[in-house]
Amino acid sequence: MMKLVLASNNAGKLVELQALFAPLGIELVRQGDLGIPEAAEPYKTFVENALAKARHAAQHSGLPAVADDAGLCVDAFHGLPGVDTAYYATQFGYPKSDANNVKALLEQMQHLTQASQRRAALVSTLVALRSPDDPEPLIAVGRAVGQITPVPQGEQGFGFDPVMFLPEFGKTFAQMSEAQKNANSHRGKAAQQMLVLMRERWFNPLA
C-alpha cells in the first residue's frame, strides 16, 4: 500500500479523502502524525497555497504528498472569503471555529434575502507531488455550487456544510449521507479527478 502524506491536520478532511483514495490502495497519513509543522499559506489562490503545502509536506517527510486548499466563494462578496475561509470569523471578532465561521457568514448575509443573492460555491483544489521538486504536480479542482441557507440545517459534516444548500438535492451537505456527500461535494469531485490523474500518471506502467 502506497503511503501519501496529507498536508493537513483536519480530521474531517482525512476521513473524507481516505475514503475517496481507498480504491487506489493509498493510505493517507496526516503530516502532524509525522511531526511535520503546518506550512505557511501566504497566497491569494487555492492552487498556490495547495502547492506550497504539498511541497512542504513532501520535503519534510520524504514521501509523496497531497494537499487540499479549499474555501467558500460567495458571489455577493466577489468570491470572498476564498483562501481566508478558515479564519473568516476572526475578521468579525470571533474566535476561529467552524461554528463561528457559520455564525459570522449568516450575520453578514442577513440582508440578502433572495436566493440569487445567496449563491455560493465551495471550491477544493487538490495538488499531489511525488517529491518536493516534482515538475509535474497533479492538480484537480472541484466545485459545488449552491445557496447559503438563512439558518443551519443538518448535523453531518463540518465547516459550512450546515448552510450549503444544494438545490438539485433539496438539502444541505450536513443533511446528506457520507456517501452522497463524497460523490457530490467540492472535495469529492476534486478527489475523483485526482484519482483519474494518479491512475494515468503515477500508476500506469505504460505511461
Foldseek 3Di string as FASTA:
>chain_A
DAEAEELDPDPLVQVLLCVLCVVVVYHYDYLVVVVQDHFDQPDQAFVVSQLRSQLSSQAVPVAKYKYKQKAKQAVLVVGPPHSCQQVCLVVVPDPGFLVSSLVVVLVVCVVPDDQVNFKMKIKMWMWIDGHSPRPDIDIFMFIQIAGFANDFDAQDDTRSQRGGARVVVRHGNRNDDSVVCLCHHGVNRRSVSVVVVCCVPPVDPVD
